[in-house]
Structures are given as structure tokens and as C-alpha cells.
C-alpha atoms as a PDB file:
ATOM      1  CA  UNK A   1     -24.838  53.404  37.199  1.00  0.00           C
ATOM      2  CA  UNK A   2     -22.938  56.715  37.527  1.00  0.00           C
ATOM      3  CA  UNK A   3     -19.935  54.997  39.132  1.00  0.00           C
ATOM      4  CA  UNK A   4     -19.931  52.078  36.450  1.00  0.00           C
ATOM      5  CA  UNK A   5     -19.870  54.290  33.162  1.00  0.00           C
ATOM      6  CA  UNK A   6     -19.328  57.567  31.799  1.00  0.00           C
ATOM      7  CA  UNK A   7     -21.867  57.228  29.203  1.00  0.00           C
ATOM      8  CA  UNK A   8     -24.515  60.034  29.993  1.00  0.00           C
ATOM      9  CA  UNK A   9     -27.288  58.115  27.883  1.00  0.00           C
ATOM     10  CA  UNK A  10     -26.702  54.978  30.346  1.00  0.00           C
ATOM     11  CA  UNK A  11     -26.226  56.936  33.709  1.00  0.00           C
ATOM     12  CA  UNK A  12     -27.691  60.644  33.003  1.00  0.00           C
ATOM     13  CA  UNK A  13     -28.481  62.935  35.529  1.00  0.00           C
ATOM     14  CA  UNK A  14     -24.939  62.246  37.717  1.00  0.00           C
ATOM     15  CA  UNK A  15     -23.873  64.708  40.126  1.00  0.00           C
ATOM     16  CA  UNK A  16     -21.731  67.823  38.495  1.00  0.00           C
ATOM     17  CA  UNK A  17     -20.271  70.004  41.159  1.00  0.00           C
ATOM     18  CA  UNK A  18     -20.015  73.177  38.785  1.00  0.00           C
ATOM     19  CA  UNK A  19     -23.726  72.815  37.865  1.00  0.00           C
ATOM     20  CA  UNK A  20     -25.193  71.100  41.099  1.00  0.00           C
ATOM     21  CA  UNK A  21     -24.111  72.751  43.969  1.00  0.00           C
ATOM     22  CA  UNK A  22     -25.655  76.272  45.264  1.00  0.00           C
ATOM     23  CA  UNK A  23     -22.687  77.693  47.071  1.00  0.00           C
ATOM     24  CA  UNK A  24     -19.688  76.968  44.831  1.00  0.00           C
ATOM     25  CA  UNK A  25     -18.048  80.297  45.092  1.00  0.00           C
ATOM     26  CA  UNK A  26     -15.707  81.392  47.872  1.00  0.00           C
ATOM     27  CA  UNK A  27     -15.717  77.820  49.397  1.00  0.00           C
ATOM     28  CA  UNK A  28     -18.907  77.362  51.161  1.00  0.00           C
ATOM     29  CA  UNK A  29     -21.778  78.463  52.824  1.00  0.00           C
ATOM     30  CA  UNK A  30     -21.361  80.783  55.540  1.00  0.00           C
ATOM     31  CA  UNK A  31     -24.438  83.091  55.209  1.00  0.00           C
ATOM     32  CA  UNK A  32     -26.350  84.422  58.451  1.00  0.00           C
ATOM     33  CA  UNK A  33     -28.965  81.793  59.144  1.00  0.00           C
ATOM     34  CA  UNK A  34     -32.729  83.085  58.648  1.00  0.00           C
ATOM     35  CA  UNK A  35     -34.618  80.143  60.409  1.00  0.00           C
ATOM     36  CA  UNK A  36     -33.886  79.316  64.164  1.00  0.00           C
ATOM     37  CA  UNK A  37     -33.504  76.079  65.402  1.00  0.00           C
ATOM     38  CA  UNK A  38     -36.360  74.062  66.081  1.00  0.00           C
ATOM     39  CA  UNK A  39     -37.379  73.365  69.624  1.00  0.00           C
ATOM     40  CA  UNK A  40     -40.971  72.143  69.536  1.00  0.00           C
ATOM     41  CA  UNK A  41     -42.233  68.421  70.255  1.00  0.00           C
ATOM     42  CA  UNK A  42     -45.179  66.810  68.074  1.00  0.00           C
ATOM     43  CA  UNK A  43     -47.468  63.806  68.610  1.00  0.00           C
ATOM     44  CA  UNK A  44     -46.509  60.924  66.535  1.00  0.00           C
ATOM     45  CA  UNK A  45     -48.606  60.444  63.161  1.00  0.00           C
ATOM     46  CA  UNK A  46     -51.732  58.011  62.893  1.00  0.00           C
ATOM     47  CA  UNK A  47     -52.055  55.603  60.410  1.00  0.00           C
ATOM     48  CA  UNK A  48     -56.226  55.185  60.322  1.00  0.00           C
ATOM     49  CA  UNK A  49     -56.501  53.166  57.287  1.00  0.00           C
ATOM     50  CA  UNK A  50     -53.841  50.552  58.213  1.00  0.00           C
ATOM     51  CA  UNK A  51     -55.787  47.445  59.889  1.00  0.00           C
ATOM     52  CA  UNK A  52     -54.218  46.227  62.847  1.00  0.00           C
ATOM     53  CA  UNK A  53     -52.192  43.113  62.821  1.00  0.00           C
ATOM     54  CA  UNK A  54     -48.702  41.659  63.476  1.00  0.00           C
ATOM     55  CA  UNK A  55     -45.746  43.496  63.260  1.00  0.00           C
ATOM     56  CA  UNK A  56     -45.171  42.393  59.573  1.00  0.00           C
ATOM     57  CA  UNK A  57     -48.603  42.884  58.491  1.00  0.00           C
ATOM     58  CA  UNK A  58     -48.782  46.239  59.678  1.00  0.00           C
ATOM     59  CA  UNK A  59     -45.124  47.051  57.983  1.00  0.00           C
ATOM     60  CA  UNK A  60     -46.377  45.394  54.768  1.00  0.00           C
ATOM     61  CA  UNK A  61     -49.778  47.557  54.443  1.00  0.00           C
ATOM     62  CA  UNK A  62     -47.727  50.610  55.195  1.00  0.00           C
ATOM     63  CA  UNK A  63     -45.343  49.759  52.415  1.00  0.00           C
ATOM     64  CA  UNK A  64     -48.259  48.896  49.806  1.00  0.00           C
ATOM     65  CA  UNK A  65     -49.778  52.091  50.751  1.00  0.00           C
ATOM     66  CA  UNK A  66     -46.709  54.273  50.138  1.00  0.00           C
ATOM     67  CA  UNK A  67     -45.993  52.298  46.608  1.00  0.00           C
ATOM     68  CA  UNK A  68     -49.540  52.985  45.661  1.00  0.00           C
ATOM     69  CA  UNK A  69     -49.443  56.616  46.610  1.00  0.00           C
ATOM     70  CA  UNK A  70     -45.650  57.244  45.531  1.00  0.00           C
ATOM     71  CA  UNK A  71     -44.652  60.698  44.264  1.00  0.00           C
ATOM     72  CA  UNK A  72     -41.713  62.747  43.439  1.00  0.00           C
ATOM     73  CA  UNK A  73     -39.411  62.323  46.320  1.00  0.00           C
ATOM     74  CA  UNK A  74     -36.421  64.718  45.778  1.00  0.00           C
ATOM     75  CA  UNK A  75     -35.822  68.717  45.496  1.00  0.00           C
ATOM     76  CA  UNK A  76     -32.804  70.289  44.180  1.00  0.00           C
ATOM     77  CA  UNK A  77     -30.760  72.702  46.463  1.00  0.00           C
ATOM     78  CA  UNK A  78     -31.344  75.452  43.942  1.00  0.00           C
ATOM     79  CA  UNK A  79     -35.641  75.150  44.789  1.00  0.00           C
ATOM     80  CA  UNK A  80     -34.606  74.936  48.375  1.00  0.00           C
ATOM     81  CA  UNK A  81     -32.267  78.027  48.430  1.00  0.00           C
ATOM     82  CA  UNK A  82     -35.119  79.855  46.621  1.00  0.00           C
ATOM     83  CA  UNK A  83     -37.732  78.621  49.261  1.00  0.00           C
ATOM     84  CA  UNK A  84     -35.417  79.720  52.328  1.00  0.00           C
ATOM     85  CA  UNK A  85     -34.578  83.304  50.781  1.00  0.00           C
ATOM     86  CA  UNK A  86     -38.167  83.779  48.873  1.00  0.00           C
ATOM     87  CA  UNK A  87     -36.760  84.818  45.672  1.00  0.00           C
ATOM     88  CA  UNK A  88     -38.557  84.235  42.384  1.00  0.00           C
ATOM     89  CA  UNK A  89     -37.732  80.846  41.017  1.00  0.00           C
ATOM     90  CA  UNK A  90     -35.206  80.520  38.143  1.00  0.00           C
ATOM     91  CA  UNK A  91     -36.334  79.406  34.553  1.00  0.00           C
ATOM     92  CA  UNK A  92     -37.025  75.530  34.910  1.00  0.00           C
ATOM     93  CA  UNK A  93     -37.437  75.484  38.378  1.00  0.00           C
ATOM     94  CA  UNK A  94     -40.969  74.079  39.421  1.00  0.00           C
ATOM     95  CA  UNK A  95     -42.035  77.269  41.930  1.00  0.00           C
ATOM     96  CA  UNK A  96     -45.005  75.732  42.626  1.00  0.00           C
ATOM     97  CA  UNK A  97     -44.392  72.190  43.528  1.00  0.00           C
ATOM     98  CA  UNK A  98     -43.953  73.497  47.470  1.00  0.00           C
ATOM     99  CA  UNK A  99     -47.449  74.884  47.808  1.00  0.00           C
ATOM    100  CA  UNK A 100     -49.196  74.857  51.068  1.00  0.00           C
ATOM    101  CA  UNK A 101     -51.667  71.627  51.234  1.00  0.00           C
ATOM    102  CA  UNK A 102     -53.834  73.445  53.535  1.00  0.00           C
ATOM    103  CA  UNK A 103     -54.138  76.595  51.410  1.00  0.00           C
ATOM    104  CA  UNK A 104     -53.543  75.925  48.098  1.00  0.00           C
ATOM    105  CA  UNK A 105     -53.030  78.815  45.767  1.00  0.00           C
ATOM    106  CA  UNK A 106     -51.042  81.177  48.483  1.00  0.00           C
ATOM    107  CA  UNK A 107     -47.543  81.836  48.562  1.00  0.00           C
ATOM    108  CA  UNK A 108     -45.509  78.958  46.930  1.00  0.00           C
ATOM    109  CA  UNK A 109     -42.693  79.418  48.878  1.00  0.00           C
ATOM    110  CA  UNK A 110     -43.688  77.374  52.012  1.00  0.00           C
ATOM    111  CA  UNK A 111     -40.595  76.363  53.867  1.00  0.00           C
ATOM    112  CA  UNK A 112     -40.424  72.813  54.789  1.00  0.00           C
ATOM    113  CA  UNK A 113     -39.061  71.554  58.366  1.00  0.00           C
ATOM    114  CA  UNK A 114     -35.230  70.544  57.697  1.00  0.00           C
ATOM    115  CA  UNK A 115     -33.766  67.373  58.852  1.00  0.00           C
ATOM    116  CA  UNK A 116     -30.061  66.869  59.130  1.00  0.00           C
ATOM    117  CA  UNK A 117     -28.932  62.881  59.532  1.00  0.00           C
ATOM    118  CA  UNK A 118     -25.347  63.167  58.653  1.00  0.00           C
ATOM    119  CA  UNK A 119     -22.482  61.963  61.323  1.00  0.00           C
ATOM    120  CA  UNK A 120     -22.343  64.622  64.036  1.00  0.00           C
ATOM    121  CA  UNK A 121     -18.870  65.749  63.596  1.00  0.00           C
ATOM    122  CA  UNK A 122     -19.888  66.649  59.847  1.00  0.00           C
ATOM    123  CA  UNK A 123     -23.067  68.148  60.910  1.00  0.00           C
ATOM    124  CA  UNK A 124     -20.873  70.364  63.380  1.00  0.00           C
ATOM    125  CA  UNK A 125     -18.293  71.418  60.212  1.00  0.00           C
ATOM    126  CA  UNK A 126     -21.463  72.983  58.681  1.00  0.00           C
ATOM    127  CA  UNK A 127     -25.366  72.502  58.257  1.00  0.00           C
ATOM    128  CA  UNK A 128     -28.425  73.988  56.515  1.00  0.00           C
ATOM    129  CA  UNK A 129     -29.638  76.747  59.230  1.00  0.00           C
ATOM    130  CA  UNK A 130     -32.782  76.058  61.293  1.00  0.00           C
ATOM    131  CA  UNK A 131     -31.975  72.408  60.883  1.00  0.00           C
ATOM    132  CA  UNK A 132     -33.061  69.620  63.436  1.00  0.00           C
ATOM    133  CA  UNK A 133     -30.493  66.956  63.598  1.00  0.00           C
ATOM    134  CA  UNK A 134     -30.662  63.317  64.606  1.00  0.00           C
ATOM    135  CA  UNK A 135     -28.155  60.650  63.468  1.00  0.00           C
ATOM    136  CA  UNK A 136     -29.633  58.470  60.744  1.00  0.00           C
ATOM    137  CA  UNK A 137     -29.617  55.515  62.773  1.00  0.00           C
ATOM    138  CA  UNK A 138     -31.211  57.224  65.593  1.00  0.00           C
ATOM    139  CA  UNK A 139     -34.182  59.013  63.582  1.00  0.00           C
ATOM    140  CA  UNK A 140     -36.559  56.068  64.277  1.00  0.00           C
ATOM    141  CA  UNK A 141     -36.245  56.331  68.307  1.00  0.00           C
ATOM    142  CA  UNK A 142     -39.196  57.723  69.955  1.00  0.00           C
ATOM    143  CA  UNK A 143     -37.487  60.668  71.515  1.00  0.00           C
ATOM    144  CA  UNK A 144     -36.465  61.709  68.036  1.00  0.00           C
ATOM    145  CA  UNK A 145     -39.643  61.140  65.944  1.00  0.00           C
ATOM    146  CA  UNK A 146     -41.406  63.398  68.709  1.00  0.00           C
ATOM    147  CA  UNK A 147     -39.343  66.200  67.194  1.00  0.00           C
ATOM    148  CA  UNK A 148     -41.091  65.809  63.868  1.00  0.00           C
ATOM    149  CA  UNK A 149     -43.678  67.746  62.827  1.00  0.00           C
ATOM    150  CA  UNK A 150     -47.068  66.048  61.190  1.00  0.00           C
ATOM    151  CA  UNK A 151     -48.480  68.757  59.805  1.00  0.00           C
ATOM    152  CA  UNK A 152     -45.681  69.951  57.735  1.00  0.00           C
ATOM    153  CA  UNK A 153     -43.201  68.524  54.891  1.00  0.00           C
ATOM    154  CA  UNK A 154     -40.074  67.503  56.060  1.00  0.00           C
ATOM    155  CA  UNK A 155     -36.985  67.801  54.150  1.00  0.00           C
ATOM    156  CA  UNK A 156     -34.423  65.113  54.914  1.00  0.00           C
ATOM    157  CA  UNK A 157     -30.662  65.561  54.072  1.00  0.00           C
ATOM    158  CA  UNK A 158     -27.138  63.680  54.467  1.00  0.00           C
ATOM    159  CA  UNK A 159     -24.188  63.963  52.712  1.00  0.00           C
ATOM    160  CA  UNK A 160     -24.797  62.500  49.158  1.00  0.00           C
ATOM    161  CA  UNK A 161     -28.728  62.072  49.425  1.00  0.00           C
ATOM    162  CA  UNK A 162     -28.589  58.277  49.264  1.00  0.00           C
ATOM    163  CA  UNK A 163     -28.910  57.239  53.035  1.00  0.00           C
ATOM    164  CA  UNK A 164     -31.441  60.451  53.234  1.00  0.00           C
ATOM    165  CA  UNK A 165     -33.552  58.629  50.513  1.00  0.00           C
ATOM    166  CA  UNK A 166     -34.281  55.753  52.454  1.00  0.00           C
ATOM    167  CA  UNK A 167     -35.185  57.550  55.563  1.00  0.00           C
ATOM    168  CA  UNK A 168     -37.371  59.314  53.560  1.00  0.00           C
ATOM    169  CA  UNK A 169     -39.292  56.480  52.695  1.00  0.00           C
ATOM    170  CA  UNK A 170     -39.513  55.212  55.992  1.00  0.00           C
ATOM    171  CA  UNK A 171     -40.781  58.647  57.359  1.00  0.00           C
ATOM    172  CA  UNK A 172     -43.419  58.178  54.872  1.00  0.00           C
ATOM    173  CA  UNK A 173     -44.403  54.845  55.662  1.00  0.00           C
ATOM    174  CA  UNK A 174     -44.680  56.034  59.228  1.00  0.00           C
ATOM    175  CA  UNK A 175     -47.381  58.626  58.001  1.00  0.00           C
ATOM    176  CA  UNK A 176     -45.206  61.674  57.671  1.00  0.00           C
ATOM    177  CA  UNK A 177     -44.650  63.806  54.827  1.00  0.00           C
ATOM    178  CA  UNK A 178     -41.090  63.526  53.913  1.00  0.00           C
ATOM    179  CA  UNK A 179     -38.816  64.447  50.953  1.00  0.00           C
ATOM    180  CA  UNK A 180     -35.522  64.131  50.428  1.00  0.00           C
ATOM    181  CA  UNK A 181     -32.715  66.619  49.140  1.00  0.00           C
ATOM    182  CA  UNK A 182     -31.098  65.498  46.042  1.00  0.00           C
ATOM    183  CA  UNK A 183     -27.499  65.340  46.049  1.00  0.00           C
ATOM    184  CA  UNK A 184     -27.774  65.894  49.630  1.00  0.00           C
ATOM    185  CA  UNK A 185     -25.267  68.495  50.953  1.00  0.00           C
ATOM    186  CA  UNK A 186     -22.679  68.056  48.064  1.00  0.00           C
ATOM    187  CA  UNK A 187     -25.636  70.316  45.798  1.00  0.00           C
ATOM    188  CA  UNK A 188     -25.588  72.465  48.842  1.00  0.00           C
ATOM    189  CA  UNK A 189     -22.210  73.718  49.618  1.00  0.00           C
ATOM    190  CA  UNK A 190     -18.206  72.969  48.596  1.00  0.00           C
ATOM    191  CA  UNK A 191     -16.219  72.669  51.932  1.00  0.00           C
ATOM    192  CA  UNK A 192     -13.779  74.864  53.110  1.00  0.00           C
ATOM    193  CA  UNK A 193     -10.356  73.353  54.192  1.00  0.00           C
ATOM    194  CA  UNK A 194     -10.654  71.191  57.182  1.00  0.00           C
ATOM    195  CA  UNK A 195     -14.263  71.726  57.476  1.00  0.00           C
ATOM    196  CA  UNK A 196     -15.672  68.989  55.162  1.00  0.00           C
ATOM    197  CA  UNK A 197     -19.481  69.486  55.087  1.00  0.00           C
ATOM    198  CA  UNK A 198     -19.910  66.456  52.380  1.00  0.00           C
ATOM    199  CA  UNK A 199     -16.729  64.054  52.721  1.00  0.00           C
ATOM    200  CA  UNK A 200     -18.497  61.548  50.064  1.00  0.00           C
ATOM    201  CA  UNK A 201     -18.848  63.908  47.279  1.00  0.00           C
ATOM    202  CA  UNK A 202     -19.087  62.228  43.926  1.00  0.00           C
ATOM    203  CA  UNK A 203     -15.875  62.717  41.853  1.00  0.00           C
ATOM    204  CA  UNK A 204     -16.122  61.047  38.231  1.00  0.00           C
ATOM    205  CA  UNK A 205     -12.209  60.708  37.992  1.00  0.00           C
ATOM    206  CA  UNK A 206     -11.949  58.964  41.151  1.00  0.00           C
ATOM    207  CA  UNK A 207     -15.446  57.121  41.381  1.00  0.00           C
ATOM    208  CA  UNK A 208     -16.212  56.097  37.714  1.00  0.00           C
ATOM    209  CA  UNK A 209     -14.578  52.914  36.373  1.00  0.00           C
ATOM    210  CA  UNK A 210     -15.981  53.581  32.981  1.00  0.00           C
ATOM    211  CA  UNK A 211     -16.718  49.184  32.748  1.00  0.00           C
ATOM    212  CA  UNK A 212     -18.514  48.079  29.679  1.00  0.00           C
ATOM    213  CA  UNK A 213     -21.952  47.720  29.544  1.00  0.00           C
ATOM    214  CA  UNK A 214     -25.122  46.012  27.582  1.00  0.00           C
ATOM    215  CA  UNK A 215     -28.225  47.419  26.548  1.00  0.00           C
ATOM    216  CA  UNK A 216     -31.669  45.915  26.053  1.00  0.00           C
ATOM    217  CA  UNK A 217     -34.060  43.465  28.058  1.00  0.00           C
ATOM    218  CA  UNK A 218     -32.208  40.156  26.783  1.00  0.00           C
ATOM    219  CA  UNK A 219     -28.681  41.220  26.565  1.00  0.00           C
ATOM    220  CA  UNK A 220     -25.794  39.245  28.364  1.00  0.00           C
ATOM    221  CA  UNK A 221     -22.157  40.114  28.736  1.00  0.00           C
ATOM    222  CA  UNK A 222     -19.909  37.688  29.604  1.00  0.00           C
ATOM    223  CA  UNK A 223     -18.566  38.192  33.028  1.00  0.00           C
ATOM    224  CA  UNK A 224     -14.591  38.309  32.537  1.00  0.00           C
ATOM    225  CA  UNK A 225     -12.718  35.106  33.595  1.00  0.00           C
END
């Protein structure tokens, strides 16, 4: 809806680079990485409470389980920044959200496992440090799934947060603990000239058509023509 109308009562929370991007000064984020690239491999998760059956039954059961236990699935770049650098969270940031499920009450800044699923060239232009990489179409290949931990939250990100939201859902259905980065790399960094890390960034002047809309449950708008 943020591409359909400029009315913020109908499409609240639209991306605003001045508000939502962490590294919006100096062009782009180019700091020293405090986290090394991951190298371990892991066993696949198990779905103990999903009964065996044909492929469709297993997928449907996993989807139903996921929907019943659905929870908040997005974290802001500001929250991630304060976890990575272990700083006090600013006013309004839920600093206790990222708690260690095995040791509640301890350090709230438990850094998630980072998974970048963007196009390879965009990834090479710039990415979060300590990130595992797999193109989104290849994430669910066995050789890439075994790179993902089952005992740690996985933060998935792409350019805008749209494809990564789908991948996050699918990972959770498989038994992983995954969460999405809200607005993706567009919320983490602006781009240096020739090194675009988020080429599909939302721009209201270009992407919002400001069309008519209707309100209420039974309203109807005649289509033009």
C-alpha cells in the first residue's frame, strides 16, 4: 500500500531513509567488522511433533504449526546495531527482545546468526560483517541448510526485506528460529557511488502512485473504464 497511496493512515510505517537507515551519513557503512565469517556446519532441525505422511501433509502440518505459534518476525536495523556493538538501546527500542532462550535474564544482546540472501554482486558490493551468504533461490539446498545453526536465532536479510520475509517463514516451518531484518539493507546503509548495496530502495516520489482508495469492509470503487 505504500506504493499505492501517500496517505499514512492507510499505509503507515512506510520506509523513510532519513529515519530508518542506520548508516545514513558518510555515504555507507564501512566500519571494521567485529564478527568473523561463519565456517561451521550443523545438523538439520527435527520436527518431532509433525506426523509422517506424504509431502503435502508434512508441509501443511508444518505451516499450521507455524501459524499457531506465530510471533513477531522482524527486527529493525537500529536494534541489530545495538546488539552488534553491545551499546545501551535507545528510547523506544525493545532491548530485552533478543534474550538468550537458554539463559533468560542474562545479557539481552545475544547476536543472531546473519544470513544474506541477495544477488551475489550486490552482496560483494557490501554486506553485514560476519554474514553467511546464500542466494535466496539456493537457501534450501542441503549444502546451504547445513550451514545454518539450529540452536541460535537466524536473522535473514535481503535488499528491502520482502524476499527475506518469505525465506524467514520457510525456515521457521522447517524448524529453525528465524527472523527478518525490517526493510533489509535499505535500513542498514546508503550506498557509495558505483557500490549499491540496496538497489531497490523505496523512493516515494518514484514508487508511490497516490491512487484513490476506499475504506471499510463493504466499500467498492468502480474500476476506471
